[in-house]
PDB file of N, CA and C in Angstrom:
ATOM      1  N   MET A   1      15.405 -15.067  29.759  1.00  0.00           N
ATOM      2  CA  MET A   1      16.511 -15.361  30.647  1.00  0.00           C
ATOM      3  C   MET A   1      17.031 -16.762  30.324  1.00  0.00           C
ATOM      4  N   HIS A   2      18.099 -16.826  29.552  1.00  0.00           N
ATOM      5  CA  HIS A   2      18.687 -18.108  29.174  1.00  0.00           C
ATOM      6  C   HIS A   2      19.574 -18.688  30.272  1.00  0.00           C
ATOM      7  N   GLU A   3      19.789 -17.920  31.324  1.00  0.00           N
ATOM      8  CA  GLU A   3      20.653 -18.376  32.411  1.00  0.00           C
ATOM      9  C   GLU A   3      20.135 -19.655  33.075  1.00  0.00           C
ATOM     10  N   LEU A   4      18.826 -19.831  33.164  1.00  0.00           N
ATOM     11  CA  LEU A   4      18.290 -21.053  33.767  1.00  0.00           C
ATOM     12  C   LEU A   4      18.709 -22.277  32.955  1.00  0.00           C
ATOM     13  N   GLY A   5      18.591 -22.206  31.650  1.00  0.00           N
ATOM     14  CA  GLY A   5      19.020 -23.318  30.793  1.00  0.00           C
ATOM     15  C   GLY A   5      20.506 -23.588  30.926  1.00  0.00           C
ATOM     16  N   VAL A   6      21.286 -22.526  31.000  1.00  0.00           N
ATOM     17  CA  VAL A   6      22.735 -22.671  31.177  1.00  0.00           C
ATOM     18  C   VAL A   6      23.032 -23.347  32.509  1.00  0.00           C
ATOM     19  N   MET A   7      22.355 -22.914  33.565  1.00  0.00           N
ATOM     20  CA  MET A   7      22.613 -23.499  34.884  1.00  0.00           C
ATOM     21  C   MET A   7      22.160 -24.957  34.956  1.00  0.00           C
ATOM     22  N   ILE A   8      21.085 -25.299  34.282  1.00  0.00           N
ATOM     23  CA  ILE A   8      20.664 -26.700  34.257  1.00  0.00           C
ATOM     24  C   ILE A   8      21.744 -27.550  33.596  1.00  0.00           C
ATOM     25  N   GLU A   9      22.346 -27.059  32.523  1.00  0.00           N
ATOM     26  CA  GLU A   9      23.446 -27.779  31.864  1.00  0.00           C
ATOM     27  C   GLU A   9      24.661 -27.887  32.787  1.00  0.00           C
ATOM     28  N   VAL A  10      24.967 -26.825  33.513  1.00  0.00           N
ATOM     29  CA  VAL A  10      26.084 -26.847  34.462  1.00  0.00           C
ATOM     30  C   VAL A  10      25.821 -27.886  35.544  1.00  0.00           C
ATOM     31  N   VAL A  11      24.617 -27.899  36.087  1.00  0.00           N
ATOM     32  CA  VAL A  11      24.261 -28.865  37.125  1.00  0.00           C
ATOM     33  C   VAL A  11      24.392 -30.292  36.594  1.00  0.00           C
ATOM     34  N   ASN A  12      23.903 -30.535  35.386  1.00  0.00           N
ATOM     35  CA  ASN A  12      24.032 -31.866  34.774  1.00  0.00           C
ATOM     36  C   ASN A  12      25.497 -32.261  34.637  1.00  0.00           C
ATOM     37  N   TYR A  13      26.326 -31.330  34.197  1.00  0.00           N
ATOM     38  CA  TYR A  13      27.751 -31.596  34.031  1.00  0.00           C
ATOM     39  C   TYR A  13      28.402 -31.913  35.378  1.00  0.00           C
ATOM     40  N   VAL A  14      28.094 -31.108  36.390  1.00  0.00           N
ATOM     41  CA  VAL A  14      28.690 -31.298  37.709  1.00  0.00           C
ATOM     42  C   VAL A  14      28.241 -32.619  38.314  1.00  0.00           C
ATOM     43  N   GLU A  15      26.972 -32.958  38.164  1.00  0.00           N
ATOM     44  CA  GLU A  15      26.497 -34.249  38.672  1.00  0.00           C
ATOM     45  C   GLU A  15      27.216 -35.405  37.991  1.00  0.00           C
ATOM     46  N   ASP A  16      27.373 -35.321  36.691  1.00  0.00           N
ATOM     47  CA  ASP A  16      28.081 -36.362  35.949  1.00  0.00           C
ATOM     48  C   ASP A  16      29.533 -36.461  36.408  1.00  0.00           C
ATOM     49  N   PHE A  17      30.181 -35.330  36.565  1.00  0.00           N
ATOM     50  CA  PHE A  17      31.564 -35.281  37.044  1.00  0.00           C
ATOM     51  C   PHE A  17      31.666 -35.910  38.429  1.00  0.00           C
ATOM     52  N   ALA A  18      30.726 -35.547  39.310  1.00  0.00           N
ATOM     53  CA  ALA A  18      30.734 -36.076  40.681  1.00  0.00           C
ATOM     54  C   ALA A  18      30.585 -37.589  40.686  1.00  0.00           C
ATOM     55  N   LYS A  19      29.657 -38.111  39.902  1.00  0.00           N
ATOM     56  CA  LYS A  19      29.443 -39.557  39.846  1.00  0.00           C
ATOM     57  C   LYS A  19      30.677 -40.280  39.317  1.00  0.00           C
ATOM     58  N   LYS A  20      31.286 -39.740  38.269  1.00  0.00           N
ATOM     59  CA  LYS A  20      32.474 -40.364  37.687  1.00  0.00           C
ATOM     60  C   LYS A  20      33.668 -40.348  38.639  1.00  0.00           C
ATOM     61  N   ASN A  21      33.671 -39.391  39.566  1.00  0.00           N
ATOM     62  CA  ASN A  21      34.804 -39.245  40.482  1.00  0.00           C
ATOM     63  C   ASN A  21      34.482 -39.661  41.916  1.00  0.00           C
ATOM     64  N   GLY A  22      33.356 -40.328  42.101  1.00  0.00           N
ATOM     65  CA  GLY A  22      33.007 -40.865  43.409  1.00  0.00           C
ATOM     66  C   GLY A  22      32.636 -39.838  44.459  1.00  0.00           C
ATOM     67  N   LEU A  23      32.214 -38.666  44.050  1.00  0.00           N
ATOM     68  CA  LEU A  23      31.800 -37.643  45.006  1.00  0.00           C
ATOM     69  C   LEU A  23      30.332 -37.849  45.353  1.00  0.00           C
ATOM     70  N   THR A  24      30.021 -37.823  46.615  1.00  0.00           N
ATOM     71  CA  THR A  24      28.633 -38.024  47.032  1.00  0.00           C
ATOM     72  C   THR A  24      27.991 -36.740  47.545  1.00  0.00           C
ATOM     73  N   LYS A  25      28.813 -35.779  47.962  1.00  0.00           N
ATOM     74  CA  LYS A  25      28.278 -34.515  48.471  1.00  0.00           C
ATOM     75  C   LYS A  25      29.169 -33.374  48.025  1.00  0.00           C
ATOM     76  N   ILE A  26      28.541 -32.340  47.511  1.00  0.00           N
ATOM     77  CA  ILE A  26      29.265 -31.152  47.072  1.00  0.00           C
ATOM     78  C   ILE A  26      28.855 -29.997  47.973  1.00  0.00           C
ATOM     79  N   ASP A  27      29.847 -29.279  48.474  1.00  0.00           N
ATOM     80  CA  ASP A  27      29.587 -28.154  49.362  1.00  0.00           C
ATOM     81  C   ASP A  27      29.379 -26.854  48.581  1.00  0.00           C
ATOM     82  N   THR A  28      30.289 -26.579  47.635  1.00  0.00           N
ATOM     83  CA  THR A  28      30.278 -25.293  46.938  1.00  0.00           C
ATOM     84  C   THR A  28      30.615 -25.475  45.463  1.00  0.00           C
ATOM     85  N   LEU A  29      29.920 -24.732  44.639  1.00  0.00           N
ATOM     86  CA  LEU A  29      30.217 -24.667  43.213  1.00  0.00           C
ATOM     87  C   LEU A  29      30.707 -23.254  42.935  1.00  0.00           C
ATOM     88  N   VAL A  30      31.898 -23.146  42.347  1.00  0.00           N
ATOM     89  CA  VAL A  30      32.489 -21.841  42.058  1.00  0.00           C
ATOM     90  C   VAL A  30      32.504 -21.635  40.547  1.00  0.00           C
ATOM     91  N   LEU A  31      31.867 -20.550  40.114  1.00  0.00           N
ATOM     92  CA  LEU A  31      31.834 -20.203  38.691  1.00  0.00           C
ATOM     93  C   LEU A  31      32.612 -18.918  38.466  1.00  0.00           C
ATOM     94  N   GLN A  32      33.225 -18.815  37.300  1.00  0.00           N
ATOM     95  CA  GLN A  32      33.870 -17.576  36.887  1.00  0.00           C
ATOM     96  C   GLN A  32      33.108 -17.057  35.670  1.00  0.00           C
ATOM     97  N   ILE A  33      32.708 -15.790  35.755  1.00  0.00           N
ATOM     98  CA  ILE A  33      31.937 -15.174  34.680  1.00  0.00           C
ATOM     99  C   ILE A  33      32.608 -13.866  34.293  1.00  0.00           C
ATOM    100  N   GLY A  34      32.938 -13.723  33.022  1.00  0.00           N
ATOM    101  CA  GLY A  34      33.583 -12.510  32.541  1.00  0.00           C
ATOM    102  C   GLY A  34      32.623 -11.340  32.473  1.00  0.00           C
ATOM    103  N   GLU A  35      33.169 -10.143  32.666  1.00  0.00           N
ATOM    104  CA  GLU A  35      32.355  -8.918  32.618  1.00  0.00           C
ATOM    105  C   GLU A  35      31.606  -8.760  31.300  1.00  0.00           C
ATOM    106  N   LEU A  36      32.167  -9.262  30.219  1.00  0.00           N
ATOM    107  CA  LEU A  36      31.538  -9.124  28.905  1.00  0.00           C
ATOM    108  C   LEU A  36      30.834 -10.392  28.446  1.00  0.00           C
ATOM    109  N   SER A  37      30.677 -11.339  29.352  1.00  0.00           N
ATOM    110  CA  SER A  37      29.995 -12.580  29.032  1.00  0.00           C
ATOM    111  C   SER A  37      28.522 -12.302  28.760  1.00  0.00           C
ATOM    112  N   ALA A  38      27.899 -13.170  27.997  1.00  0.00           N
ATOM    113  CA  ALA A  38      26.456 -13.064  27.749  1.00  0.00           C
ATOM    114  C   ALA A  38      25.663 -13.555  28.956  1.00  0.00           C
ATOM    115  N   ILE A  39      26.361 -14.062  29.961  1.00  0.00           N
ATOM    116  CA  ILE A  39      25.736 -14.571  31.177  1.00  0.00           C
ATOM    117  C   ILE A  39      25.775 -13.473  32.246  1.00  0.00           C
ATOM    118  N   ILE A  40      24.630 -13.214  32.872  1.00  0.00           N
ATOM    119  CA  ILE A  40      24.539 -12.159  33.876  1.00  0.00           C
ATOM    120  C   ILE A  40      24.571 -12.796  35.275  1.00  0.00           C
ATOM    121  N   PRO A  41      25.604 -12.465  36.063  1.00  0.00           N
ATOM    122  CA  PRO A  41      25.771 -13.108  37.371  1.00  0.00           C
ATOM    123  C   PRO A  41      24.536 -13.061  38.273  1.00  0.00           C
ATOM    124  N   ARG A  42      23.870 -11.938  38.356  1.00  0.00           N
ATOM    125  CA  ARG A  42      22.715 -11.866  39.265  1.00  0.00           C
ATOM    126  C   ARG A  42      21.565 -12.755  38.800  1.00  0.00           C
ATOM    127  N   TYR A  43      21.462 -12.997  37.492  1.00  0.00           N
ATOM    128  CA  TYR A  43      20.440 -13.918  36.990  1.00  0.00           C
ATOM    129  C   TYR A  43      20.816 -15.362  37.309  1.00  0.00           C
ATOM    130  N   ILE A  44      22.121 -15.652  37.245  1.00  0.00           N
ATOM    131  CA  ILE A  44      22.599 -16.984  37.629  1.00  0.00           C
ATOM    132  C   ILE A  44      22.259 -17.239  39.096  1.00  0.00           C
ATOM    133  N   GLU A  45      22.537 -16.261  39.945  1.00  0.00           N
ATOM    134  CA  GLU A  45      22.219 -16.395  41.365  1.00  0.00           C
ATOM    135  C   GLU A  45      20.718 -16.575  41.578  1.00  0.00           C
ATOM    136  N   ALA A  46      19.901 -15.862  40.815  1.00  0.00           N
ATOM    137  CA  ALA A  46      18.452 -15.932  40.974  1.00  0.00           C
ATOM    138  C   ALA A  46      17.883 -17.287  40.550  1.00  0.00           C
ATOM    139  N   CYS A  47      18.436 -17.869  39.500  1.00  0.00           N
ATOM    140  CA  CYS A  47      17.876 -19.125  38.998  1.00  0.00           C
ATOM    141  C   CYS A  47      18.567 -20.365  39.588  1.00  0.00           C
ATOM    142  N   TYR A  48      19.650 -20.173  40.338  1.00  0.00           N
ATOM    143  CA  TYR A  48      20.379 -21.300  40.909  1.00  0.00           C
ATOM    144  C   TYR A  48      19.500 -22.211  41.764  1.00  0.00           C
ATOM    145  N   PRO A  49      18.677 -21.678  42.658  1.00  0.00           N
ATOM    146  CA  PRO A  49      17.826 -22.576  43.458  1.00  0.00           C
ATOM    147  C   PRO A  49      16.914 -23.468  42.603  1.00  0.00           C
ATOM    148  N   ALA A  50      16.374 -22.939  41.537  1.00  0.00           N
ATOM    149  CA  ALA A  50      15.511 -23.745  40.662  1.00  0.00           C
ATOM    150  C   ALA A  50      16.328 -24.791  39.910  1.00  0.00           C
ATOM    151  N   ALA A  51      17.545 -24.447  39.492  1.00  0.00           N
ATOM    152  CA  ALA A  51      18.384 -25.371  38.725  1.00  0.00           C
ATOM    153  C   ALA A  51      18.863 -26.550  39.565  1.00  0.00           C
ATOM    154  N   ILE A  52      19.076 -26.332  40.858  1.00  0.00           N
ATOM    155  CA  ILE A  52      19.596 -27.414  41.709  1.00  0.00           C
ATOM    156  C   ILE A  52      18.503 -28.186  42.438  1.00  0.00           C
ATOM    157  N   ASP A  53      17.272 -27.725  42.359  1.00  0.00           N
ATOM    158  CA  ASP A  53      16.165 -28.376  43.063  1.00  0.00           C
ATOM    159  C   ASP A  53      16.030 -29.837  42.628  1.00  0.00           C
ATOM    160  N   GLY A  54      16.073 -30.747  43.598  1.00  0.00           N
ATOM    161  CA  GLY A  54      15.921 -32.169  43.319  1.00  0.00           C
ATOM    162  C   GLY A  54      17.165 -32.853  42.778  1.00  0.00           C
ATOM    163  N   THR A  55      18.309 -32.175  42.801  1.00  0.00           N
ATOM    164  CA  THR A  55      19.567 -32.751  42.304  1.00  0.00           C
ATOM    165  C   THR A  55      20.512 -32.984  43.476  1.00  0.00           C
ATOM    166  N   MET A  56      21.639 -33.611  43.210  1.00  0.00           N
ATOM    167  CA  MET A  56      22.622 -33.810  44.279  1.00  0.00           C
ATOM    168  C   MET A  56      23.271 -32.496  44.717  1.00  0.00           C
ATOM    169  N   LEU A  57      23.040 -31.424  43.981  1.00  0.00           N
ATOM    170  CA  LEU A  57      23.582 -30.118  44.346  1.00  0.00           C
ATOM    171  C   LEU A  57      22.593 -29.299  45.170  1.00  0.00           C
ATOM    172  N   GLU A  58      21.488 -29.925  45.550  1.00  0.00           N
ATOM    173  CA  GLU A  58      20.391 -29.200  46.192  1.00  0.00           C
ATOM    174  C   GLU A  58      20.812 -28.357  47.397  1.00  0.00           C
ATOM    175  N   ASN A  59      21.775 -28.781  48.148  1.00  0.00           N
ATOM    176  CA  ASN A  59      22.186 -28.033  49.341  1.00  0.00           C
ATOM    177  C   ASN A  59      23.547 -27.355  49.179  1.00  0.00           C
ATOM    178  N   THR A  60      23.958 -27.149  47.959  1.00  0.00           N
ATOM    179  CA  THR A  60      25.263 -26.528  47.729  1.00  0.00           C
ATOM    180  C   THR A  60      25.177 -25.014  47.743  1.00  0.00           C
ATOM    181  N   LYS A  61      26.334 -24.410  47.988  1.00  0.00           N
ATOM    182  CA  LYS A  61      26.458 -22.956  47.907  1.00  0.00           C
ATOM    183  C   LYS A  61      27.014 -22.616  46.523  1.00  0.00           C
ATOM    184  N   LEU A  62      26.640 -21.464  46.035  1.00  0.00           N
ATOM    185  CA  LEU A  62      27.152 -20.966  44.757  1.00  0.00           C
ATOM    186  C   LEU A  62      28.033 -19.763  45.030  1.00  0.00           C
ATOM    187  N   LYS A  63      29.212 -19.779  44.449  1.00  0.00           N
ATOM    188  CA  LYS A  63      30.114 -18.633  44.535  1.00  0.00           C
ATOM    189  C   LYS A  63      30.426 -18.203  43.109  1.00  0.00           C
ATOM    190  N   ILE A  64      30.288 -16.921  42.843  1.00  0.00           N
ATOM    191  CA  ILE A  64      30.570 -16.388  41.512  1.00  0.00           C
ATOM    192  C   ILE A  64      31.722 -15.397  41.606  1.00  0.00           C
ATOM    193  N   GLU A  65      32.713 -15.599  40.750  1.00  0.00           N
ATOM    194  CA  GLU A  65      33.832 -14.662  40.630  1.00  0.00           C
ATOM    195  C   GLU A  65      33.695 -13.976  39.275  1.00  0.00           C
ATOM    196  N   VAL A  66      33.609 -12.659  39.294  1.00  0.00           N
ATOM    197  CA  VAL A  66      33.494 -11.905  38.047  1.00  0.00           C
ATOM    198  C   VAL A  66      34.907 -11.571  37.577  1.00  0.00           C
ATOM    199  N   LEU A  67      35.203 -11.982  36.338  1.00  0.00           N
ATOM    200  CA  LEU A  67      36.526 -11.740  35.762  1.00  0.00           C
ATOM    201  C   LEU A  67      36.513 -10.431  34.978  1.00  0.00           C
ATOM    202  N   PRO A  68      37.543  -9.623  35.134  1.00  0.00           N
ATOM    203  CA  PRO A  68      37.575  -8.324  34.459  1.00  0.00           C
ATOM    204  C   PRO A  68      37.721  -8.465  32.946  1.00  0.00           C
ATOM    205  N   ALA A  69      37.193  -7.478  32.256  1.00  0.00           N
ATOM    206  CA  ALA A  69      37.321  -7.415  30.796  1.00  0.00           C
ATOM    207  C   ALA A  69      38.587  -6.626  30.481  1.00  0.00           C
ATOM    208  N   ASN A  70      39.704  -7.327  30.427  1.00  0.00           N
ATOM    209  CA  ASN A  70      40.991  -6.676  30.179  1.00  0.00           C
ATOM    210  C   ASN A  70      41.370  -6.773  28.712  1.00  0.00           C
ATOM    211  N   ALA A  71      41.988  -5.708  28.245  1.00  0.00           N
ATOM    212  CA  ALA A  71      42.462  -5.647  26.862  1.00  0.00           C
ATOM    213  C   ALA A  71      43.874  -5.080  26.863  1.00  0.00           C
ATOM    214  N   ILE A  72      44.549  -5.265  25.734  1.00  0.00           N
ATOM    215  CA  ILE A  72      45.874  -4.668  25.558  1.00  0.00           C
ATOM    216  C   ILE A  72      45.792  -3.668  24.406  1.00  0.00           C
ATOM    217  N   CYS A  73      46.303  -2.497  24.645  1.00  0.00           N
ATOM    218  CA  CYS A  73      46.273  -1.437  23.641  1.00  0.00           C
ATOM    219  C   CYS A  73      47.212  -1.801  22.491  1.00  0.00           C
ATOM    220  N   ARG A  74      46.739  -1.628  21.276  1.00  0.00           N
ATOM    221  CA  ARG A  74      47.568  -1.944  20.101  1.00  0.00           C
ATOM    222  C   ARG A  74      48.610  -0.868  19.819  1.00  0.00           C
ATOM    223  N   GLU A  75      48.466   0.273  20.445  1.00  0.00           N
ATOM    224  CA  GLU A  75      49.409   1.370  20.240  1.00  0.00           C
ATOM    225  C   GLU A  75      50.544   1.359  21.263  1.00  0.00           C
ATOM    226  N   CYS A  76      50.187   1.287  22.558  1.00  0.00           N
ATOM    227  CA  CYS A  76      51.217   1.427  23.600  1.00  0.00           C
ATOM    228  C   CYS A  76      51.404   0.175  24.458  1.00  0.00           C
ATOM    229  N   SER A  77      50.637  -0.871  24.189  1.00  0.00           N
ATOM    230  CA  SER A  77      50.719  -2.156  24.889  1.00  0.00           C
ATOM    231  C   SER A  77      50.286  -2.119  26.356  1.00  0.00           C
ATOM    232  N   LYS A  78      49.578  -1.089  26.772  1.00  0.00           N
ATOM    233  CA  LYS A  78      49.048  -1.030  28.143  1.00  0.00           C
ATOM    234  C   LYS A  78      47.890  -2.007  28.268  1.00  0.00           C
ATOM    235  N   VAL A  79      47.881  -2.771  29.353  1.00  0.00           N
ATOM    236  CA  VAL A  79      46.752  -3.648  29.669  1.00  0.00           C
ATOM    237  C   VAL A  79      45.802  -2.833  30.549  1.00  0.00           C
ATOM    238  N   PHE A  80      44.522  -2.825  30.171  1.00  0.00           N
ATOM    239  CA  PHE A  80      43.545  -2.027  30.908  1.00  0.00           C
ATOM    240  C   PHE A  80      42.165  -2.679  30.854  1.00  0.00           C
ATOM    241  N   ASN A  81      41.305  -2.262  31.773  1.00  0.00           N
ATOM    242  CA  ASN A  81      39.938  -2.757  31.815  1.00  0.00           C
ATOM    243  C   ASN A  81      39.089  -1.919  30.869  1.00  0.00           C
ATOM    244  N   VAL A  82      38.510  -2.566  29.870  1.00  0.00           N
ATOM    245  CA  VAL A  82      37.749  -1.833  28.851  1.00  0.00           C
ATOM    246  C   VAL A  82      36.434  -1.277  29.393  1.00  0.00           C
ATOM    247  N   VAL A  83      35.851  -1.938  30.376  1.00  0.00           N
ATOM    248  CA  VAL A  83      34.594  -1.454  30.952  1.00  0.00           C
ATOM    249  C   VAL A  83      34.857  -0.190  31.767  1.00  0.00           C
ATOM    250  N   GLN A  84      35.836  -0.242  32.649  1.00  0.00           N
ATOM    251  CA  GLN A  84      36.147   0.901  33.516  1.00  0.00           C
ATOM    252  C   GLN A  84      36.669   2.097  32.729  1.00  0.00           C
ATOM    253  N   ASN A  85      37.274   1.842  31.589  1.00  0.00           N
ATOM    254  CA  ASN A  85      37.887   2.921  30.807  1.00  0.00           C
ATOM    255  C   ASN A  85      37.108   3.261  29.540  1.00  0.00           C
ATOM    256  N   ASN A  86      35.865   2.842  29.475  1.00  0.00           N
ATOM    257  CA  ASN A  86      34.998   3.159  28.334  1.00  0.00           C
ATOM    258  C   ASN A  86      35.617   2.828  26.981  1.00  0.00           C
ATOM    259  N   LYS A  87      36.333   1.695  26.926  1.00  0.00           N
ATOM    260  CA  LYS A  87      36.937   1.167  25.701  1.00  0.00           C
ATOM    261  C   LYS A  87      38.056   2.049  25.142  1.00  0.00           C
ATOM    262  N   ILE A  88      38.629   2.894  25.994  1.00  0.00           N
ATOM    263  CA  ILE A  88      39.706   3.794  25.555  1.00  0.00           C
ATOM    264  C   ILE A  88      40.927   3.569  26.433  1.00  0.00           C
ATOM    265  N   CYS A  89      42.073   3.418  25.814  1.00  0.00           N
ATOM    266  CA  CYS A  89      43.308   3.211  26.568  1.00  0.00           C
ATOM    267  C   CYS A  89      43.562   4.418  27.473  1.00  0.00           C
ATOM    268  N   PRO A  90      43.738   4.177  28.777  1.00  0.00           N
ATOM    269  CA  PRO A  90      43.965   5.297  29.693  1.00  0.00           C
ATOM    270  C   PRO A  90      45.351   5.933  29.553  1.00  0.00           C
ATOM    271  N   ARG A  91      46.274   5.224  28.915  1.00  0.00           N
ATOM    272  CA  ARG A  91      47.623   5.774  28.746  1.00  0.00           C
ATOM    273  C   ARG A  91      47.727   6.676  27.520  1.00  0.00           C
ATOM    274  N   CYS A  92      47.234   6.180  26.357  1.00  0.00           N
ATOM    275  CA  CYS A  92      47.457   6.939  25.119  1.00  0.00           C
ATOM    276  C   CYS A  92      46.163   7.412  24.436  1.00  0.00           C
ATOM    277  N   GLY A  93      45.011   6.984  24.942  1.00  0.00           N
ATOM    278  CA  GLY A  93      43.745   7.421  24.365  1.00  0.00           C
ATOM    279  C   GLY A  93      43.317   6.661  23.121  1.00  0.00           C
ATOM    280  N   ASN A  94      44.045   5.625  22.779  1.00  0.00           N
ATOM    281  CA  ASN A  94      43.736   4.833  21.586  1.00  0.00           C
ATOM    282  C   ASN A  94      42.477   3.997  21.820  1.00  0.00           C
ATOM    283  N   GLU A  95      41.709   3.817  20.765  1.00  0.00           N
ATOM    284  CA  GLU A  95      40.504   2.993  20.842  1.00  0.00           C
ATOM    285  C   GLU A  95      40.690   1.643  20.160  1.00  0.00           C
ATOM    286  N   LYS A  96      41.909   1.321  19.766  1.00  0.00           N
ATOM    287  CA  LYS A  96      42.201   0.033  19.131  1.00  0.00           C
ATOM    288  C   LYS A  96      42.935  -0.839  20.137  1.00  0.00           C
ATOM    289  N   TRP A  97      42.301  -1.957  20.464  1.00  0.00           N
ATOM    290  CA  TRP A  97      42.837  -2.850  21.468  1.00  0.00           C
ATOM    291  C   TRP A  97      42.422  -4.278  21.150  1.00  0.00           C
ATOM    292  N   GLU A  98      43.068  -5.202  21.836  1.00  0.00           N
ATOM    293  CA  GLU A  98      42.738  -6.621  21.692  1.00  0.00           C
ATOM    294  C   GLU A  98      42.273  -7.137  23.044  1.00  0.00           C
ATOM    295  N   LEU A  99      41.105  -7.733  23.055  1.00  0.00           N
ATOM    296  CA  LEU A  99      40.545  -8.261  24.296  1.00  0.00           C
ATOM    297  C   LEU A  99      41.359  -9.469  24.750  1.00  0.00           C
ATOM    298  N   LEU A 100      41.774  -9.462  26.002  1.00  0.00           N
ATOM    299  CA  LEU A 100      42.547 -10.560  26.573  1.00  0.00           C
ATOM    300  C   LEU A 100      41.662 -11.520  27.362  1.00  0.00           C
ATOM    301  N   CYS A 101      40.693 -10.983  28.079  1.00  0.00           N
ATOM    302  CA  CYS A 101      39.786 -11.802  28.874  1.00  0.00           C
ATOM    303  C   CYS A 101      38.543 -10.987  29.201  1.00  0.00           C
ATOM    304  N   GLY A 102      37.501 -11.699  29.601  1.00  0.00           N
ATOM    305  CA  GLY A 102      36.282 -11.010  29.997  1.00  0.00           C
ATOM    306  C   GLY A 102      35.011 -11.610  29.430  1.00  0.00           C
ATOM    307  N   LYS A 103      35.138 -12.627  28.564  1.00  0.00           N
ATOM    308  CA  LYS A 103      33.963 -13.278  27.997  1.00  0.00           C
ATOM    309  C   LYS A 103      33.767 -14.698  28.540  1.00  0.00           C
ATOM    310  N   GLU A 104      34.554 -15.054  29.544  1.00  0.00           N
ATOM    311  CA  GLU A 104      34.551 -16.420  30.058  1.00  0.00           C
ATOM    312  C   GLU A 104      33.266 -16.775  30.804  1.00  0.00           C
ATOM    313  N   PHE A 105      32.973 -18.060  30.781  1.00  0.00           N
ATOM    314  CA  PHE A 105      31.985 -18.666  31.672  1.00  0.00           C
ATOM    315  C   PHE A 105      32.550 -20.038  31.991  1.00  0.00           C
ATOM    316  N   LEU A 106      33.097 -20.174  33.199  1.00  0.00           N
ATOM    317  CA  LEU A 106      33.833 -21.381  33.557  1.00  0.00           C
ATOM    318  C   LEU A 106      33.394 -21.948  34.901  1.00  0.00           C
ATOM    319  N   ILE A 107      33.457 -23.259  35.001  1.00  0.00           N
ATOM    320  CA  ILE A 107      33.347 -23.901  36.300  1.00  0.00           C
ATOM    321  C   ILE A 107      34.764 -23.909  36.862  1.00  0.00           C
ATOM    322  N   LYS A 108      35.010 -23.105  37.873  1.00  0.00           N
ATOM    323  CA  LYS A 108      36.351 -23.007  38.439  1.00  0.00           C
ATOM    324  C   LYS A 108      36.632 -24.134  39.422  1.00  0.00           C
ATOM    325  N   GLU A 109      35.668 -24.377  40.325  1.00  0.00           N
ATOM    326  CA  GLU A 109      35.888 -25.382  41.359  1.00  0.00           C
ATOM    327  C   GLU A 109      34.592 -26.092  41.715  1.00  0.00           C
ATOM    328  N   ILE A 110      34.747 -27.341  42.037  1.00  0.00           N
ATOM    329  CA  ILE A 110      33.676 -28.124  42.632  1.00  0.00           C
ATOM    330  C   ILE A 110      34.240 -28.568  43.972  1.00  0.00           C
ATOM    331  N   ILE A 111      33.755 -27.976  45.047  1.00  0.00           N
ATOM    332  CA  ILE A 111      34.309 -28.254  46.369  1.00  0.00           C
ATOM    333  C   ILE A 111      33.445 -29.291  47.056  1.00  0.00           C
ATOM    334  N   ALA A 112      34.041 -30.448  47.282  1.00  0.00           N
ATOM    335  CA  ALA A 112      33.326 -31.567  47.928  1.00  0.00           C
ATOM    336  C   ALA A 112      33.459 -31.473  49.432  1.00  0.00           C
ATOM    337  N   CYS A 113      32.516 -32.104  50.113  1.00  0.00           N
ATOM    338  CA  CYS A 113      32.571 -32.152  51.595  1.00  0.00           C
ATOM    339  C   CYS A 113      33.478 -33.275  52.037  1.00  0.00           C
TER     340      CYS A 113
END
């Protein structure tokens, strides 16, 4: 489970950001994770308490937004979710598409008190 290492890096980044911007207390950390990301949201949630233990984020809430894995069909230009449609365009049945989003792992918001 590499998510713990990833979350420790996120916590370090957020703490550094907070110090540079004069934040003393953070209420909520909002992450965006794509459906096709190598990061698994439930593992992030599971390891979050260990990653924030003893840090300035110790009492923060974690919010995760899962971003859809959307692609555009190279044949008919329909935008569709590749996970929900089993990698096949629902309009024309084509299997050739270009991924538009879904591999992200982003810090969306740091909400201070």
